């Protein structure tokens, strides 16, 4: 009699587990179909920034770019300057961080409208740079006055923007 009771109880537990698993599987499938589909961010609005982790202006710049519609990924990299030179940024033209957007490198605190111009016009260059940390650049006190941005490709350096 105990054996029949034990077998019956075991069968009931197994049935309950099977029903629970089926319900859970159905719920998971339903939840997946109800989950919001993430819209993909266009390449010209995706930006990765390699920055010195102790630099506050890099975070301010990333926030500024996000306010201008960019999806910014921040990567702490105390050797961003070496990465910049390897990417082709002229040593005398290093900015305070290195970014990549839509296949171009952007060094420093380059204003959003200049980055947009770069990805829209698509010149045959490696990237652009705003050397140093100008006080009137985004990420510092905010864009004001004239900023000279340089285009670079191999050994060639040209003025990309002077506005």
Protein backbone atom coordinates (compact mmCIF):
# COMPACT_ATOMS: atom_id res chain seq x y z
CA UNK A 1 0.00 0.00 0.00
CA UNK A 2 2.83 2.40 0.86
CA UNK A 3 4.42 1.53 -2.45
CA UNK A 4 1.23 2.47 -4.35
CA UNK A 5 1.01 5.73 -2.36
CA UNK A 6 4.66 6.52 -3.08
CA UNK A 7 4.28 5.71 -6.80
CA UNK A 8 1.11 7.80 -7.00
CA UNK A 9 2.77 10.74 -5.26
CA UNK A 10 5.80 10.49 -7.54
CA UNK A 11 3.55 10.44 -10.59
CA UNK A 12 1.68 13.50 -9.33
CA UNK A 13 4.93 15.41 -8.73
CA UNK A 14 6.19 14.46 -12.21
CA UNK A 15 2.93 15.58 -13.80
CA UNK A 16 3.02 18.88 -11.92
CA UNK A 17 6.64 19.42 -13.01
CA UNK A 18 5.74 18.72 -16.63
CA UNK A 19 2.81 21.13 -16.52
CA UNK A 20 5.00 23.75 -14.83
CA UNK A 21 7.74 23.34 -17.43
CA UNK A 22 5.25 23.62 -20.27
CA UNK A 23 3.71 26.72 -18.74
CA UNK A 24 7.13 28.26 -18.16
CA UNK A 25 8.21 27.51 -21.74
CA UNK A 26 5.03 29.08 -23.08
CA UNK A 27 5.46 32.12 -20.84
CA UNK A 28 9.08 32.54 -21.91
CA UNK A 29 8.10 32.33 -25.56
CA UNK A 30 5.32 34.85 -25.02
CA UNK A 31 7.66 37.19 -23.15
CA UNK A 32 10.21 36.99 -25.94
CA UNK A 33 7.62 37.91 -28.51
CA UNK A 34 6.41 40.81 -26.34
CA UNK A 35 9.93 42.10 -25.65
CA UNK A 36 10.58 45.42 -27.37
CA UNK A 37 12.65 45.04 -30.48
CA UNK A 38 15.76 47.18 -30.14
CA UNK A 39 16.04 49.57 -33.04
CA UNK A 40 19.48 49.55 -34.50
CA UNK A 41 21.48 52.72 -34.28
CA UNK A 42 22.79 53.89 -37.69
CA UNK A 43 26.56 53.57 -38.07
CA UNK A 44 26.98 57.33 -38.36
CA UNK A 45 25.42 57.72 -34.89
CA UNK A 46 27.46 55.00 -33.12
CA UNK A 47 30.58 56.24 -31.41
CA UNK A 48 33.21 54.42 -29.37
CA UNK A 49 35.47 56.55 -27.21
CA UNK A 50 38.78 55.32 -25.78
CA UNK A 51 39.65 57.65 -22.94
CA UNK A 52 41.88 58.10 -19.96
CA UNK A 53 39.72 56.95 -17.03
CA UNK A 54 40.74 59.99 -14.96
CA UNK A 55 39.71 62.57 -17.60
CA UNK A 56 36.44 64.30 -16.76
CA UNK A 57 36.26 66.26 -20.01
CA UNK A 58 36.01 62.98 -21.94
CA UNK A 59 32.85 62.09 -20.03
CA UNK A 60 31.48 65.59 -20.57
CA UNK A 61 32.23 65.22 -24.30
CA UNK A 62 30.53 61.79 -24.42
CA UNK A 63 27.47 63.29 -22.70
CA UNK A 64 27.51 66.15 -25.24
CA UNK A 65 27.61 63.69 -28.16
CA UNK A 66 24.75 61.68 -26.63
CA UNK A 67 22.73 64.91 -26.39
CA UNK A 68 23.35 65.29 -30.14
CA UNK A 69 21.90 61.85 -30.91
CA UNK A 70 24.98 59.63 -30.78
CA UNK A 71 25.06 56.27 -29.03
CA UNK A 72 28.40 56.42 -27.19
CA UNK A 73 30.36 53.46 -25.84
CA UNK A 74 33.05 54.55 -23.38
CA UNK A 75 36.18 52.44 -22.95
CA UNK A 76 38.73 53.21 -20.25
CA UNK A 77 42.16 53.14 -21.88
CA UNK A 78 45.04 54.92 -20.16
CA UNK A 79 47.07 54.27 -23.34
CA UNK A 80 44.57 55.95 -25.69
CA UNK A 81 47.42 58.13 -26.96
CA UNK A 82 49.31 55.07 -28.24
CA UNK A 83 46.07 53.76 -29.76
CA UNK A 84 45.60 57.18 -31.41
CA UNK A 85 49.04 57.15 -33.01
CA UNK A 86 48.50 53.55 -34.19
CA UNK A 87 45.21 54.71 -35.77
CA UNK A 88 47.09 57.39 -37.71
CA UNK A 89 46.52 60.51 -35.61
CA UNK A 90 49.61 62.72 -36.02
CA UNK A 91 51.53 62.88 -32.74
CA UNK A 92 51.46 66.70 -32.76
CA UNK A 93 47.69 66.54 -33.30
CA UNK A 94 46.63 64.32 -30.41
CA UNK A 95 43.39 65.17 -28.67
CA UNK A 96 42.38 64.12 -25.16
CA UNK A 97 40.72 60.87 -26.31
CA UNK A 98 40.17 58.81 -29.45
CA UNK A 99 36.77 58.02 -30.93
CA UNK A 100 35.63 55.92 -33.86
CA UNK A 101 32.45 56.67 -35.74
CA UNK A 102 31.30 55.13 -39.03
CA UNK A 103 34.80 54.00 -40.04
CA UNK A 104 36.53 57.29 -39.19
CA UNK A 105 38.73 58.23 -36.26
CA UNK A 106 37.96 61.38 -34.34
CA UNK A 107 40.63 62.62 -31.95
CA UNK A 108 39.74 65.17 -29.30
CA UNK A 109 36.76 67.35 -28.53
CA UNK A 110 35.46 67.76 -32.08
CA UNK A 111 32.02 69.45 -32.22
CA UNK A 112 29.06 67.25 -33.20
CA UNK A 113 28.33 69.24 -36.36
CA UNK A 114 31.89 68.63 -37.61
CA UNK A 115 31.59 64.88 -36.88
CA UNK A 116 28.28 64.86 -38.77
CA UNK A 117 29.92 66.66 -41.69
CA UNK A 118 32.70 64.04 -41.71
CA UNK A 119 30.28 61.10 -41.85
CA UNK A 120 28.00 62.83 -44.36
CA UNK A 121 30.66 64.05 -46.82
CA UNK A 122 32.78 60.89 -46.38
CA UNK A 123 36.13 62.32 -47.53
CA UNK A 124 38.96 59.91 -48.32
CA UNK A 125 40.82 60.48 -45.05
CA UNK A 126 41.48 58.36 -41.96
CA UNK A 127 39.93 60.85 -39.58
CA UNK A 128 39.93 64.28 -37.98
CA UNK A 129 41.50 65.79 -34.91
CA UNK A 130 41.09 68.79 -32.68
CA UNK A 131 44.50 68.87 -30.97
CA UNK A 132 44.87 69.38 -27.24
CA UNK A 133 42.05 70.47 -24.99
CA UNK A 134 40.87 73.90 -26.18
CA UNK A 135 38.93 75.72 -23.48
CA UNK A 136 36.19 76.65 -25.99
CA UNK A 137 35.53 73.07 -27.14
CA UNK A 138 32.62 70.75 -26.26
CA UNK A 139 33.51 68.87 -23.09
CA UNK A 140 35.35 71.89 -21.69
CA UNK A 141 33.40 75.15 -21.31
CA UNK A 142 31.25 74.39 -24.36
CA UNK A 143 31.65 75.30 -28.01
CA UNK A 144 32.29 78.96 -28.57
CA UNK A 145 34.43 80.84 -31.03
CA UNK A 146 36.52 79.21 -33.73
CA UNK A 147 37.99 75.72 -33.54
CA UNK A 148 40.42 74.42 -36.16
CA UNK A 149 39.97 70.74 -36.93
CA UNK A 150 42.49 68.87 -39.06
CA UNK A 151 41.97 65.93 -41.41
CA UNK A 152 44.65 63.26 -41.51
CA UNK A 153 45.50 60.34 -43.76
CA UNK A 154 48.94 58.78 -43.77
CA UNK A 155 51.48 61.64 -43.76
CA UNK A 156 48.96 64.12 -45.15
CA UNK A 157 47.43 66.69 -42.78
CA UNK A 158 44.90 69.25 -44.01
CA UNK A 159 42.55 71.74 -42.41
CA UNK A 160 39.15 70.04 -42.34
CA UNK A 161 37.23 72.78 -40.58
CA UNK A 162 37.96 76.22 -39.21
CA UNK A 163 34.73 77.30 -37.64
